[in-house]
Amino acid sequence: MASHRKPKRRALTGATARTAATFVIAGAGAASALTDTGHATPKPAPEQVKSKVDALYQQAEQATQKYDAAKTLADAERGELAALQDQLAHRTQQINQSRDRLGTVAAAQYRSGDPDPAMRLLLSSRPDQYLEQAGMLQRAGRSQAATLGGLTTQERQAQALRDQASRKLTTLQATEHELAANRQTVTAELDHARELLGQLPPSQAAASQPAAPHTPVAAHPAPVALPVHAPNSRAAQAVSFAHAQLGKPYVWGATGPNSYDCSGLTQAAWSAAGVSLPRTTYSQINSGARISQDQLQPGDLVFFYSSISHVGLYIGDGQMIHAPHPGAPVRVSPVSEMPFAGATRPA
């Protein structure tokens, strides 16, 4: 009878065992190398991070300007809506007064049980007195008819105001939706920039940030003397105001006095000089005479990038004061540090 027992496995010995062990170790090493290669994330170079962070800051600046424009529009629309609501409340009060007057006359007629005018004339002991009273009643009737006509006009005007207020509310809601979307975009871009910087060691992260301002941060920077080389007193005042803001933080959407975004700073500087500028870079570039870069004088507005998404205040010698981006306070920088897009001289 054939045996069904399994044959015994022979143990590896000598050179055979050493060869097998070599294959096992080599295979494990190869697997480990593949695993490490598959899962390792190469660390970005500081210059790559700086390039990406700069791009993200620029995108955030564009979204900030859109946010500023939407916020300005929303504020104006809220004011218009409030004015319409005030007009509607006044018109409603007039309608109620007209209705009260008509109700009083109608109630008096009902209580008197006024008979037919011809019958009253026949029964009157003094027809001349009756005719005089009839004339008064006729004039009262005309007044009542005028009140009724006025009430109809007032109600029609009130309905027009209600329709206008409803349209304005719809527009405001759409603007506020755009405002929220721009806010979300800015926040996302800045969060991404911080995430990229967080992938680097602290020393390299600092190197990937734009250079820090040399002006020390002060809670209340002291004003500086008016620059004598400014072309006029208003430009000098704008430059002096900008100097006094050095070191204050950048906050997107801010217009001072404790923080600014780029167009908020230039708007505040020229406001201190008595000149009203619009809120955004897109509008500020059209708020004065356009000039070339070789014509720049202190007080001029200098704009950057093809999207006109950044602005600074020129102070002479190729330098400007600007609010760069979050983490970089108001500071003096060379105009050449960003792609020049144009310049304007406010009047």
C-alpha atoms as a PDB file:
ATOM      1  CA  MET A   1       0.000   0.000   0.000  1.00  0.00           C
ATOM      2  CA  ALA A   2       1.312   3.395  -0.981  1.00  0.00           C
ATOM      3  CA  SER A   3       2.113   5.771   1.831  1.00  0.00           C
ATOM      4  CA  HIS A   4       0.149   9.061   2.046  1.00  0.00           C
ATOM      5  CA  ARG A   5       2.453  10.743   4.474  1.00  0.00           C
ATOM      6  CA  LYS A   6       3.923  14.158   3.377  1.00  0.00           C
ATOM      7  CA  PRO A   7       7.627  14.063   2.619  1.00  0.00           C
ATOM      8  CA  LYS A   8       9.827  15.818   5.082  1.00  0.00           C
ATOM      9  CA  ARG A   9      11.130  19.291   4.015  1.00  0.00           C
ATOM     10  CA  ARG A  10      14.889  19.456   4.113  1.00  0.00           C
ATOM     11  CA  ALA A  11      16.427  22.361   5.976  1.00  0.00           C
ATOM     12  CA  LEU A  12      18.600  24.744   3.985  1.00  0.00           C
ATOM     13  CA  THR A  13      22.210  24.584   4.963  1.00  0.00           C
ATOM     14  CA  GLY A  14      25.477  26.067   3.936  1.00  0.00           C
ATOM     15  CA  ALA A  15      25.726  28.105   0.753  1.00  0.00           C
ATOM     16  CA  THR A  16      22.086  27.477  -0.118  1.00  0.00           C
ATOM     17  CA  ALA A  17      20.880  29.059   3.128  1.00  0.00           C
ATOM     18  CA  ARG A  18      23.185  32.026   2.671  1.00  0.00           C
ATOM     19  CA  THR A  19      21.927  32.610  -0.889  1.00  0.00           C
ATOM     20  CA  ALA A  20      18.258  32.503   0.193  1.00  0.00           C
ATOM     21  CA  ALA A  21      18.893  34.934   3.020  1.00  0.00           C
ATOM     22  CA  THR A  22      20.577  37.305   0.602  1.00  0.00           C
ATOM     23  CA  PHE A  23      17.492  37.268  -1.676  1.00  0.00           C
ATOM     24  CA  VAL A  24      15.149  37.890   1.269  1.00  0.00           C
ATOM     25  CA  ILE A  25      17.178  40.852   2.560  1.00  0.00           C
ATOM     26  CA  ALA A  26      17.542  42.319  -0.919  1.00  0.00           C
ATOM     27  CA  GLY A  27      13.810  41.948  -1.548  1.00  0.00           C
ATOM     28  CA  ALA A  28      12.975  43.615   1.750  1.00  0.00           C
ATOM     29  CA  GLY A  29      15.337  46.465   0.988  1.00  0.00           C
ATOM     30  CA  ALA A  30      13.824  46.944  -2.434  1.00  0.00           C
ATOM     31  CA  ALA A  31      10.306  46.949  -1.000  1.00  0.00           C
ATOM     32  CA  SER A  32      11.378  49.439   1.630  1.00  0.00           C
ATOM     33  CA  ALA A  33      12.914  51.663  -1.027  1.00  0.00           C
ATOM     34  CA  LEU A  34       9.747  51.512  -3.119  1.00  0.00           C
ATOM     35  CA  THR A  35       7.632  52.313  -0.070  1.00  0.00           C
ATOM     36  CA  ASP A  36       9.794  55.288   0.853  1.00  0.00           C
ATOM     37  CA  THR A  37       9.808  56.528  -2.719  1.00  0.00           C
ATOM     38  CA  GLY A  38       6.044  56.125  -3.038  1.00  0.00           C
ATOM     39  CA  HIS A  39       5.152  58.023   0.122  1.00  0.00           C
ATOM     40  CA  ALA A  40       7.895  60.589   0.511  1.00  0.00           C
ATOM     41  CA  THR A  41       6.892  64.170  -0.286  1.00  0.00           C
ATOM     42  CA  PRO A  42       9.772  66.225  -1.586  1.00  0.00           C
ATOM     43  CA  LYS A  43      10.281  69.435   0.359  1.00  0.00           C
ATOM     44  CA  PRO A  44       9.754  72.511  -1.822  1.00  0.00           C
ATOM     45  CA  ALA A  45      12.697  74.799  -2.311  1.00  0.00           C
ATOM     46  CA  PRO A  46      12.416  78.209  -0.622  1.00  0.00           C
ATOM     47  CA  GLU A  47      12.467  80.012  -3.975  1.00  0.00           C
ATOM     48  CA  GLN A  48       9.562  77.863  -5.191  1.00  0.00           C
ATOM     49  CA  VAL A  49       7.597  78.643  -2.040  1.00  0.00           C
ATOM     50  CA  LYS A  50       8.324  82.366  -2.400  1.00  0.00           C
ATOM     51  CA  SER A  51       7.106  82.329  -6.005  1.00  0.00           C
ATOM     52  CA  LYS A  52       3.885  80.531  -5.062  1.00  0.00           C
ATOM     53  CA  VAL A  53       3.293  82.731  -2.019  1.00  0.00           C
ATOM     54  CA  ASP A  54       3.793  85.881  -4.106  1.00  0.00           C
ATOM     55  CA  ALA A  55       1.259  84.605  -6.636  1.00  0.00           C
ATOM     56  CA  LEU A  56      -1.228  83.800  -3.875  1.00  0.00           C
ATOM     57  CA  TYR A  57      -0.811  87.246  -2.325  1.00  0.00           C
ATOM     58  CA  GLN A  58      -1.444  88.850  -5.702  1.00  0.00           C
ATOM     59  CA  GLN A  59      -4.579  86.763  -6.209  1.00  0.00           C
ATOM     60  CA  ALA A  60      -5.724  87.687  -2.710  1.00  0.00           C
ATOM     61  CA  GLU A  61      -5.095  91.368  -3.514  1.00  0.00           C
ATOM     62  CA  GLN A  62      -7.281  91.132  -6.611  1.00  0.00           C
ATOM     63  CA  ALA A  63     -10.051  89.523  -4.571  1.00  0.00           C
ATOM     64  CA  THR A  64      -9.577  92.204  -1.899  1.00  0.00           C
ATOM     65  CA  GLN A  65     -10.163  94.976  -4.428  1.00  0.00           C
ATOM     66  CA  LYS A  66     -13.323  93.218  -5.615  1.00  0.00           C
ATOM     67  CA  TYR A  67     -14.373  92.897  -1.979  1.00  0.00           C
ATOM     68  CA  ASP A  68     -13.738  96.608  -1.415  1.00  0.00           C
ATOM     69  CA  ALA A  69     -15.801  97.521  -4.493  1.00  0.00           C
ATOM     70  CA  ALA A  70     -18.679  95.264  -3.443  1.00  0.00           C
ATOM     71  CA  LYS A  71     -18.585  96.615   0.109  1.00  0.00           C
ATOM     72  CA  THR A  72     -18.710 100.226  -1.118  1.00  0.00           C
ATOM     73  CA  LEU A  73     -21.635  99.363  -3.375  1.00  0.00           C
ATOM     74  CA  ALA A  74     -23.440  97.490  -0.589  1.00  0.00           C
ATOM     75  CA  ASP A  75     -23.026 100.445   1.787  1.00  0.00           C
ATOM     76  CA  ALA A  76     -24.496 102.793  -0.841  1.00  0.00           C
ATOM     77  CA  GLU A  77     -27.370 100.423  -1.556  1.00  0.00           C
ATOM     78  CA  ARG A  78     -28.169 100.124   2.155  1.00  0.00           C
ATOM     79  CA  GLY A  79     -28.347 103.917   2.370  1.00  0.00           C
ATOM     80  CA  GLU A  80     -30.645 104.108  -0.659  1.00  0.00           C
ATOM     81  CA  LEU A  81     -32.859 101.374   0.765  1.00  0.00           C
ATOM     82  CA  ALA A  82     -33.088 103.180   4.103  1.00  0.00           C
ATOM     83  CA  ALA A  83     -34.056 106.416   2.306  1.00  0.00           C
ATOM     84  CA  LEU A  84     -36.775 104.582   0.365  1.00  0.00           C
ATOM     85  CA  GLN A  85     -38.103 103.041   3.567  1.00  0.00           C
ATOM     86  CA  ASP A  86     -38.225 106.501   5.196  1.00  0.00           C
ATOM     87  CA  GLN A  87     -40.157 107.891   2.219  1.00  0.00           C
ATOM     88  CA  LEU A  88     -42.543 104.951   2.358  1.00  0.00           C
ATOM     89  CA  ALA A  89     -43.145 105.473   6.088  1.00  0.00           C
ATOM     90  CA  HIS A  90     -43.898 109.183   5.485  1.00  0.00           C
ATOM     91  CA  ARG A  91     -46.253 108.337   2.608  1.00  0.00           C
ATOM     92  CA  THR A  92     -48.041 105.751   4.754  1.00  0.00           C
ATOM     93  CA  GLN A  93     -48.551 108.346   7.478  1.00  0.00           C
ATOM     94  CA  GLN A  94     -50.133 110.708   4.930  1.00  0.00           C
ATOM     95  CA  ILE A  95     -52.421 107.933   3.707  1.00  0.00           C
ATOM     96  CA  ASN A  96     -53.565 107.182   7.243  1.00  0.00           C
ATOM     97  CA  GLN A  97     -54.323 110.875   7.887  1.00  0.00           C
ATOM     98  CA  SER A  98     -56.351 111.110   4.666  1.00  0.00           C
ATOM     99  CA  ARG A  99     -58.301 107.998   5.604  1.00  0.00           C
ATOM    100  CA  ASP A 100     -58.984 109.431   9.068  1.00  0.00           C
ATOM    101  CA  ARG A 101     -60.396 112.631   7.552  1.00  0.00           C
ATOM    102  CA  LEU A 102     -62.640 110.713   5.157  1.00  0.00           C
ATOM    103  CA  GLY A 103     -63.786 108.436   7.956  1.00  0.00           C
ATOM    104  CA  THR A 104     -64.744 111.401  10.150  1.00  0.00           C
ATOM    105  CA  VAL A 105     -66.906 112.991   7.402  1.00  0.00           C
ATOM    106  CA  ALA A 106     -68.550 109.677   6.543  1.00  0.00           C
ATOM    107  CA  ALA A 107     -69.360 108.985  10.206  1.00  0.00           C
ATOM    108  CA  ALA A 108     -70.910 112.456  10.642  1.00  0.00           C
ATOM    109  CA  GLN A 109     -73.121 111.966   7.586  1.00  0.00           C
ATOM    110  CA  TYR A 110     -74.193 108.578   8.809  1.00  0.00           C
ATOM    111  CA  ARG A 111     -75.128 109.884  12.258  1.00  0.00           C
ATOM    112  CA  SER A 112     -77.109 112.863  10.849  1.00  0.00           C
ATOM    113  CA  GLY A 113     -79.164 110.668   8.551  1.00  0.00           C
ATOM    114  CA  ASP A 114     -78.966 113.391   5.888  1.00  0.00           C
ATOM    115  CA  PRO A 115     -82.369 113.569   3.971  1.00  0.00           C
ATOM    116  CA  ASP A 116     -82.858 114.439   0.334  1.00  0.00           C
ATOM    117  CA  PRO A 117     -81.756 118.099  -0.344  1.00  0.00           C
ATOM    118  CA  ALA A 118     -85.062 118.994  -2.163  1.00  0.00           C
ATOM    119  CA  MET A 119     -87.138 117.784   0.790  1.00  0.00           C
ATOM    120  CA  ARG A 120     -84.977 119.832   3.199  1.00  0.00           C
ATOM    121  CA  LEU A 121     -85.604 122.949   1.071  1.00  0.00           C
ATOM    122  CA  LEU A 122     -89.391 122.452   1.172  1.00  0.00           C
ATOM    123  CA  LEU A 123     -89.422 121.887   4.920  1.00  0.00           C
ATOM    124  CA  SER A 124     -87.056 124.712   5.761  1.00  0.00           C
ATOM    125  CA  SER A 125     -88.603 127.764   7.468  1.00  0.00           C
ATOM    126  CA  ARG A 126     -85.778 129.898   6.095  1.00  0.00           C
ATOM    127  CA  PRO A 127     -84.883 128.856   2.542  1.00  0.00           C
ATOM    128  CA  ASP A 128     -82.139 131.501   2.331  1.00  0.00           C
ATOM    129  CA  GLN A 129     -80.353 129.961   5.323  1.00  0.00           C
ATOM    130  CA  TYR A 130     -80.733 126.514   3.865  1.00  0.00           C
ATOM    131  CA  LEU A 131     -79.222 127.560   0.571  1.00  0.00           C
ATOM    132  CA  GLU A 132     -76.278 129.062   2.409  1.00  0.00           C
ATOM    133  CA  GLN A 133     -75.770 125.768   4.296  1.00  0.00           C
ATOM    134  CA  ALA A 134     -76.166 123.828   1.068  1.00  0.00           C
ATOM    135  CA  GLY A 135     -73.340 125.852  -0.452  1.00  0.00           C
ATOM    136  CA  MET A 136     -71.152 125.003   2.496  1.00  0.00           C
ATOM    137  CA  LEU A 137     -72.039 121.331   2.138  1.00  0.00           C
ATOM    138  CA  GLN A 138     -71.200 121.475  -1.552  1.00  0.00           C
ATOM    139  CA  ARG A 139     -67.824 122.993  -0.809  1.00  0.00           C
ATOM    140  CA  ALA A 140     -67.278 120.321   1.881  1.00  0.00           C
ATOM    141  CA  GLY A 141     -68.192 117.683  -0.677  1.00  0.00           C
ATOM    142  CA  ARG A 142     -65.634 119.049  -3.110  1.00  0.00           C
ATOM    143  CA  SER A 143     -63.026 119.023  -0.326  1.00  0.00           C
ATOM    144  CA  GLN A 144     -63.931 115.432   0.484  1.00  0.00           C
ATOM    145  CA  ALA A 145     -63.625 114.491  -3.187  1.00  0.00           C
ATOM    146  CA  ALA A 146     -60.207 116.186  -3.320  1.00  0.00           C
ATOM    147  CA  THR A 147     -59.134 114.274  -0.215  1.00  0.00           C
ATOM    148  CA  LEU A 148     -60.278 111.030  -1.830  1.00  0.00           C
ATOM    149  CA  GLY A 149     -58.392 111.838  -5.022  1.00  0.00           C
ATOM    150  CA  GLY A 150     -55.293 112.694  -2.998  1.00  0.00           C
ATOM    151  CA  LEU A 151     -55.604 109.416  -1.142  1.00  0.00           C
ATOM    152  CA  THR A 152     -55.637 107.505  -4.433  1.00  0.00           C
ATOM    153  CA  THR A 153     -52.507 109.334  -5.596  1.00  0.00           C
ATOM    154  CA  GLN A 154     -50.748 108.709  -2.279  1.00  0.00           C
ATOM    155  CA  GLU A 155     -51.544 104.998  -2.405  1.00  0.00           C
ATOM    156  CA  ARG A 156     -50.222 104.779  -5.963  1.00  0.00           C
ATOM    157  CA  GLN A 157     -46.998 106.559  -4.941  1.00  0.00           C
ATOM    158  CA  ALA A 158     -46.643 104.304  -1.895  1.00  0.00           C
ATOM    159  CA  GLN A 159     -46.938 101.208  -4.083  1.00  0.00           C
ATOM    160  CA  ALA A 160     -44.252 102.581  -6.416  1.00  0.00           C
ATOM    161  CA  LEU A 161     -41.979 103.122  -3.400  1.00  0.00           C
ATOM    162  CA  ARG A 162     -42.657  99.577  -2.173  1.00  0.00           C
ATOM    163  CA  ASP A 163     -41.745  98.183  -5.612  1.00  0.00           C
ATOM    164  CA  GLN A 164     -38.578 100.290  -5.768  1.00  0.00           C
ATOM    165  CA  ALA A 165     -37.551  99.230  -2.259  1.00  0.00           C
ATOM    166  CA  SER A 166     -38.145  95.591  -3.156  1.00  0.00           C
ATOM    167  CA  ARG A 167     -35.908  95.868  -6.237  1.00  0.00           C
ATOM    168  CA  LYS A 168     -33.234  97.638  -4.194  1.00  0.00           C
ATOM    169  CA  LEU A 169     -33.363  94.901  -1.554  1.00  0.00           C
ATOM    170  CA  THR A 170     -32.891  92.236  -4.241  1.00  0.00           C
ATOM    171  CA  THR A 171     -29.882  94.142  -5.626  1.00  0.00           C
ATOM    172  CA  LEU A 172     -28.421  94.529  -2.136  1.00  0.00           C
ATOM    173  CA  GLN A 173     -28.775  90.818  -1.441  1.00  0.00           C
ATOM    174  CA  ALA A 174     -26.940  89.992  -4.687  1.00  0.00           C
ATOM    175  CA  THR A 175     -24.159  92.447  -3.789  1.00  0.00           C
ATOM    176  CA  GLU A 176     -23.829  90.964  -0.306  1.00  0.00           C
ATOM    177  CA  HIS A 177     -23.610  87.481  -1.864  1.00  0.00           C
ATOM    178  CA  GLU A 178     -20.727  88.729  -4.046  1.00  0.00           C
ATOM    179  CA  LEU A 179     -19.172  90.302  -0.970  1.00  0.00           C
ATOM    180  CA  ALA A 180     -19.232  86.969   0.866  1.00  0.00           C
ATOM    181  CA  ALA A 181     -17.768  85.141  -2.145  1.00  0.00           C
ATOM    182  CA  ASN A 182     -14.865  87.606  -2.404  1.00  0.00           C
ATOM    183  CA  ARG A 183     -14.272  87.337   1.337  1.00  0.00           C
ATOM    184  CA  GLN A 184     -14.090  83.543   1.011  1.00  0.00           C
ATOM    185  CA  THR A 185     -11.635  83.816  -1.898  1.00  0.00           C
ATOM    186  CA  VAL A 186      -9.310  86.133   0.031  1.00  0.00           C
ATOM    187  CA  THR A 187      -9.391  83.887   3.082  1.00  0.00           C
ATOM    188  CA  ALA A 188      -8.668  80.758   1.028  1.00  0.00           C
ATOM    189  CA  GLU A 189      -5.710  82.334  -0.798  1.00  0.00           C
ATOM    190  CA  LEU A 190      -4.151  83.626   2.418  1.00  0.00           C
ATOM    191  CA  ASP A 191      -4.684  80.279   4.186  1.00  0.00           C
ATOM    192  CA  HIS A 192      -2.954  78.522   1.281  1.00  0.00           C
ATOM    193  CA  ALA A 193      -0.021  80.942   1.494  1.00  0.00           C
ATOM    194  CA  ARG A 194       0.347  80.279   5.232  1.00  0.00           C
ATOM    195  CA  GLU A 195       0.164  76.530   4.585  1.00  0.00           C
ATOM    196  CA  LEU A 196       3.002  76.736   2.047  1.00  0.00           C
ATOM    197  CA  LEU A 197       5.161  78.756   4.430  1.00  0.00           C
ATOM    198  CA  GLY A 198       4.427  76.223   7.170  1.00  0.00           C
ATOM    199  CA  GLN A 199       6.096  73.473   5.104  1.00  0.00           C
ATOM    200  CA  LEU A 200       9.464  75.179   5.471  1.00  0.00           C
ATOM    201  CA  PRO A 201      11.774  75.425   8.472  1.00  0.00           C
ATOM    202  CA  PRO A 202      11.335  78.801  10.259  1.00  0.00           C
ATOM    203  CA  SER A 203      14.533  80.286   8.830  1.00  0.00           C
ATOM    204  CA  GLN A 204      13.578  79.395   5.255  1.00  0.00           C
ATOM    205  CA  ALA A 205       9.968  80.501   5.788  1.00  0.00           C
ATOM    206  CA  ALA A 206      11.203  83.908   6.884  1.00  0.00           C
ATOM    207  CA  ALA A 207      13.457  84.066   3.832  1.00  0.00           C
ATOM    208  CA  SER A 208      10.488  83.272   1.588  1.00  0.00           C
ATOM    209  CA  GLN A 209       8.515  86.210   2.964  1.00  0.00           C
ATOM    210  CA  PRO A 210       9.127  89.638   1.448  1.00  0.00           C
ATOM    211  CA  ALA A 211      11.664  91.676   3.396  1.00  0.00           C
ATOM    212  CA  ALA A 212      10.402  93.109   6.666  1.00  0.00           C
ATOM    213  CA  PRO A 213      10.102  96.880   6.958  1.00  0.00           C
ATOM    214  CA  HIS A 214      13.037  98.724   8.464  1.00  0.00           C
ATOM    215  CA  THR A 215      10.737 101.199  10.204  1.00  0.00           C
ATOM    216  CA  PRO A 216       9.982  99.936  13.741  1.00  0.00           C
ATOM    217  CA  VAL A 217       6.336  99.244  14.483  1.00  0.00           C
ATOM    218  CA  ALA A 218       4.852 101.855  16.796  1.00  0.00           C
ATOM    219  CA  ALA A 219       1.386 102.096  18.239  1.00  0.00           C
ATOM    220  CA  HIS A 220       1.165 105.776  17.286  1.00  0.00           C
ATOM    221  CA  PRO A 221       3.918 106.726  14.803  1.00  0.00           C
ATOM    222  CA  ALA A 222       4.905 110.365  15.101  1.00  0.00           C
ATOM    223  CA  PRO A 223       4.143 112.534  12.035  1.00  0.00           C
ATOM    224  CA  VAL A 224       7.127 113.603  10.001  1.00  0.00           C
ATOM    225  CA  ALA A 225       7.861 117.023   8.543  1.00  0.00           C
ATOM    226  CA  LEU A 226       6.244 117.855   5.231  1.00  0.00           C
ATOM    227  CA  PRO A 227       8.609 116.994   2.372  1.00  0.00           C
ATOM    228  CA  VAL A 228       9.751 120.273   0.833  1.00  0.00           C
ATOM    229  CA  HIS A 229      10.211 118.667  -2.604  1.00  0.00           C
ATOM    230  CA  ALA A 230       6.511 117.785  -2.996  1.00  0.00           C
ATOM    231  CA  PRO A 231       4.943 119.586  -5.986  1.00  0.00           C
ATOM    232  CA  ASN A 232       2.196 121.215  -3.908  1.00  0.00           C
ATOM    233  CA  SER A 233       0.857 121.416  -0.349  1.00  0.00           C
ATOM    234  CA  ARG A 234      -1.807 118.748  -0.869  1.00  0.00           C
ATOM    235  CA  ALA A 235       0.685 116.195  -2.180  1.00  0.00           C
ATOM    236  CA  ALA A 236       2.973 117.077   0.729  1.00  0.00           C
ATOM    237  CA  GLN A 237       0.158 116.486   3.202  1.00  0.00           C
ATOM    238  CA  ALA A 238      -0.700 113.121   1.619  1.00  0.00           C
ATOM    239  CA  VAL A 239       2.938 111.982   1.848  1.00  0.00           C
ATOM    240  CA  SER A 240       3.223 113.211   5.430  1.00  0.00           C
ATOM    241  CA  PHE A 241       0.101 111.273   6.402  1.00  0.00           C
ATOM    242  CA  ALA A 242       1.431 108.103   4.752  1.00  0.00           C
ATOM    243  CA  HIS A 243       4.735 108.471   6.642  1.00  0.00           C
ATOM    244  CA  ALA A 244       2.791 108.605   9.904  1.00  0.00           C
ATOM    245  CA  GLN A 245       1.192 105.226   9.132  1.00  0.00           C
ATOM    246  CA  LEU A 246       4.488 103.335   8.753  1.00  0.00           C
ATOM    247  CA  GLY A 247       4.479 100.118  10.755  1.00  0.00           C
ATOM    248  CA  LYS A 248       0.704  99.794  10.985  1.00  0.00           C
ATOM    249  CA  PRO A 249      -0.633  96.361  10.003  1.00  0.00           C
ATOM    250  CA  TYR A 250      -2.141  95.376   6.699  1.00  0.00           C
ATOM    251  CA  VAL A 251      -5.731  94.148   7.059  1.00  0.00           C
ATOM    252  CA  TRP A 252      -7.661  93.487   3.890  1.00  0.00           C
ATOM    253  CA  GLY A 253     -10.730  95.688   3.577  1.00  0.00           C
ATOM    254  CA  ALA A 254      -9.391  98.174   6.169  1.00  0.00           C
ATOM    255  CA  THR A 255      -9.358 101.953   5.672  1.00  0.00           C
ATOM    256  CA  GLY A 256      -7.726 103.045   8.946  1.00  0.00           C
ATOM    257  CA  PRO A 257      -6.979 104.504  11.291  1.00  0.00           C
ATOM    258  CA  ASN A 258      -5.312 101.461  12.887  1.00  0.00           C
ATOM    259  CA  SER A 259      -4.841  99.249   9.812  1.00  0.00           C
ATOM    260  CA  TYR A 260      -5.099  99.462   6.019  1.00  0.00           C
ATOM    261  CA  ASP A 261      -5.178  97.576   2.793  1.00  0.00           C
ATOM    262  CA  CYS A 262      -3.330  99.110  -0.157  1.00  0.00           C
ATOM    263  CA  SER A 263      -6.107 101.272  -1.608  1.00  0.00           C
ATOM    264  CA  GLY A 264      -7.405 102.076   1.870  1.00  0.00           C
ATOM    265  CA  LEU A 265      -4.042 103.656   2.706  1.00  0.00           C
ATOM    266  CA  THR A 266      -3.859 105.813  -0.434  1.00  0.00           C
ATOM    267  CA  GLN A 267      -7.495 106.867  -0.009  1.00  0.00           C
ATOM    268  CA  ALA A 268      -6.851 107.901   3.614  1.00  0.00           C
ATOM    269  CA  ALA A 269      -3.620 109.745   2.695  1.00  0.00           C
ATOM    270  CA  TRP A 270      -5.290 111.919   0.085  1.00  0.00           C
ATOM    271  CA  SER A 271      -8.372 112.367   2.264  1.00  0.00           C
ATOM    272  CA  ALA A 272      -6.062 113.944   4.869  1.00  0.00           C
ATOM    273  CA  ALA A 273      -5.087 116.393   2.116  1.00  0.00           C
ATOM    274  CA  GLY A 274      -8.727 117.233   1.394  1.00  0.00           C
ATOM    275  CA  VAL A 275      -9.045 115.129  -1.766  1.00  0.00           C
ATOM    276  CA  SER A 276     -11.671 112.398  -2.015  1.00  0.00           C
ATOM    277  CA  LEU A 277     -10.505 109.261  -3.828  1.00  0.00           C
ATOM    278  CA  PRO A 278     -12.685 106.265  -4.727  1.00  0.00           C
ATOM    279  CA  ARG A 279     -12.230 103.069  -2.754  1.00  0.00           C
ATOM    280  CA  THR A 280     -10.570 100.615  -5.138  1.00  0.00           C
ATOM    281  CA  THR A 281      -7.419 100.506  -7.252  1.00  0.00           C
ATOM    282  CA  TYR A 282      -9.570 100.033 -10.367  1.00  0.00           C
ATOM    283  CA  SER A 283     -11.245 103.392  -9.706  1.00  0.00           C
ATOM    284  CA  GLN A 284      -8.288 105.263  -8.206  1.00  0.00           C
ATOM    285  CA  ILE A 285      -6.232 104.865 -11.376  1.00  0.00           C
ATOM    286  CA  ASN A 286      -8.866 106.974 -13.177  1.00  0.00           C
ATOM    287  CA  SER A 287      -9.166 109.608 -10.437  1.00  0.00           C
ATOM    288  CA  GLY A 288      -6.590 112.062 -11.778  1.00  0.00           C
ATOM    289  CA  ALA A 289      -4.216 112.835 -14.609  1.00  0.00           C
ATOM    290  CA  ARG A 290      -2.394 109.770 -15.956  1.00  0.00           C
ATOM    291  CA  ILE A 291       1.384 110.170 -16.004  1.00  0.00           C
ATOM    292  CA  SER A 292       4.347 108.095 -17.116  1.00  0.00           C
ATOM    293  CA  GLN A 293       6.846 106.524 -14.751  1.00  0.00           C
ATOM    294  CA  ASP A 294       9.564 109.061 -15.596  1.00  0.00           C
ATOM    295  CA  GLN A 295       7.207 111.915 -14.590  1.00  0.00           C
ATOM    296  CA  LEU A 296       6.561 110.665 -11.053  1.00  0.00           C
ATOM    297  CA  GLN A 297       6.476 113.198  -8.223  1.00  0.00           C
ATOM    298  CA  PRO A 298       5.807 112.733  -4.490  1.00  0.00           C
ATOM    299  CA  GLY A 299       2.121 112.166  -3.825  1.00  0.00           C
ATOM    300  CA  ASP A 300       1.432 110.377  -7.112  1.00  0.00           C
ATOM    301  CA  LEU A 301      -0.364 107.045  -7.019  1.00  0.00           C
ATOM    302  CA  VAL A 302       1.586 104.140  -8.511  1.00  0.00           C
ATOM    303  CA  PHE A 303      -0.212 100.980  -9.654  1.00  0.00           C
ATOM    304  CA  PHE A 304       1.066  97.471 -10.248  1.00  0.00           C
ATOM    305  CA  TYR A 305       0.278  94.260 -12.135  1.00  0.00           C
ATOM    306  CA  SER A 306      -1.774  94.027 -15.314  1.00  0.00           C
ATOM    307  CA  SER A 307      -4.897  93.599 -13.188  1.00  0.00           C
ATOM    308  CA  ILE A 308      -4.270  96.997 -11.453  1.00  0.00           C
ATOM    309  CA  SER A 309      -4.620  95.151  -8.145  1.00  0.00           C
ATOM    310  CA  HIS A 310      -2.059  97.039  -6.035  1.00  0.00           C
ATOM    311  CA  VAL A 311      -1.336 100.714  -5.360  1.00  0.00           C
ATOM    312  CA  GLY A 312       1.228 102.724  -3.426  1.00  0.00           C
ATOM    313  CA  LEU A 313       1.996 106.396  -2.756  1.00  0.00           C
ATOM    314  CA  TYR A 314       5.149 107.658  -4.451  1.00  0.00           C
ATOM    315  CA  ILE A 315       7.490 109.614  -2.140  1.00  0.00           C
ATOM    316  CA  GLY A 316      10.446 110.298  -4.465  1.00  0.00           C
ATOM    317  CA  ASP A 317      13.826 108.685  -5.262  1.00  0.00           C
ATOM    318  CA  GLY A 318      12.137 105.618  -6.731  1.00  0.00           C
ATOM    319  CA  GLN A 319      10.447 104.816  -3.406  1.00  0.00           C
ATOM    320  CA  MET A 320       6.819 104.460  -2.335  1.00  0.00           C
ATOM    321  CA  ILE A 321       4.847 103.900   0.849  1.00  0.00           C
ATOM    322  CA  HIS A 322       2.340 101.063   0.592  1.00  0.00           C
ATOM    323  CA  ALA A 323       0.460  98.402   2.529  1.00  0.00           C
ATOM    324  CA  PRO A 324       1.825  95.197   0.932  1.00  0.00           C
ATOM    325  CA  HIS A 325      -0.178  92.229   2.269  1.00  0.00           C
ATOM    326  CA  PRO A 326      -1.000  90.405   5.533  1.00  0.00           C
ATOM    327  CA  GLY A 327       2.125  89.987   7.624  1.00  0.00           C
ATOM    328  CA  ALA A 328       3.847  92.940   5.964  1.00  0.00           C
ATOM    329  CA  PRO A 329       2.984  96.261   7.647  1.00  0.00           C
ATOM    330  CA  VAL A 330       2.843  99.641   5.936  1.00  0.00           C
ATOM    331  CA  ARG A 331       6.379 100.323   4.774  1.00  0.00           C
ATOM    332  CA  VAL A 332       8.706 102.025   2.313  1.00  0.00           C
ATOM    333  CA  SER A 333       9.584  99.926  -0.749  1.00  0.00           C
ATOM    334  CA  PRO A 334      11.140 100.521  -4.160  1.00  0.00           C
ATOM    335  CA  VAL A 335       8.649 101.011  -6.975  1.00  0.00           C
ATOM    336  CA  SER A 336      10.695  98.489  -8.962  1.00  0.00           C
ATOM    337  CA  GLU A 337       9.831  95.574  -6.657  1.00  0.00           C
ATOM    338  CA  MET A 338       6.562  94.913  -8.548  1.00  0.00           C
ATOM    339  CA  PRO A 339       5.500  95.098 -12.221  1.00  0.00           C
ATOM    340  CA  PHE A 340       4.609  98.762 -12.867  1.00  0.00           C
ATOM    341  CA  ALA A 341       1.191  99.251 -14.506  1.00  0.00           C
ATOM    342  CA  GLY A 342       0.606 103.018 -14.420  1.00  0.00           C
ATOM    343  CA  ALA A 343       0.435 106.164 -12.338  1.00  0.00           C
ATOM    344  CA  THR A 344      -2.078 108.891 -11.544  1.00  0.00           C
ATOM    345  CA  ARG A 345      -1.698 112.380 -10.095  1.00  0.00           C
ATOM    346  CA  PRO A 346      -4.794 113.249  -7.969  1.00  0.00           C
ATOM    347  CA  ALA A 347      -6.043 116.817  -8.210  1.00  0.00           C
END
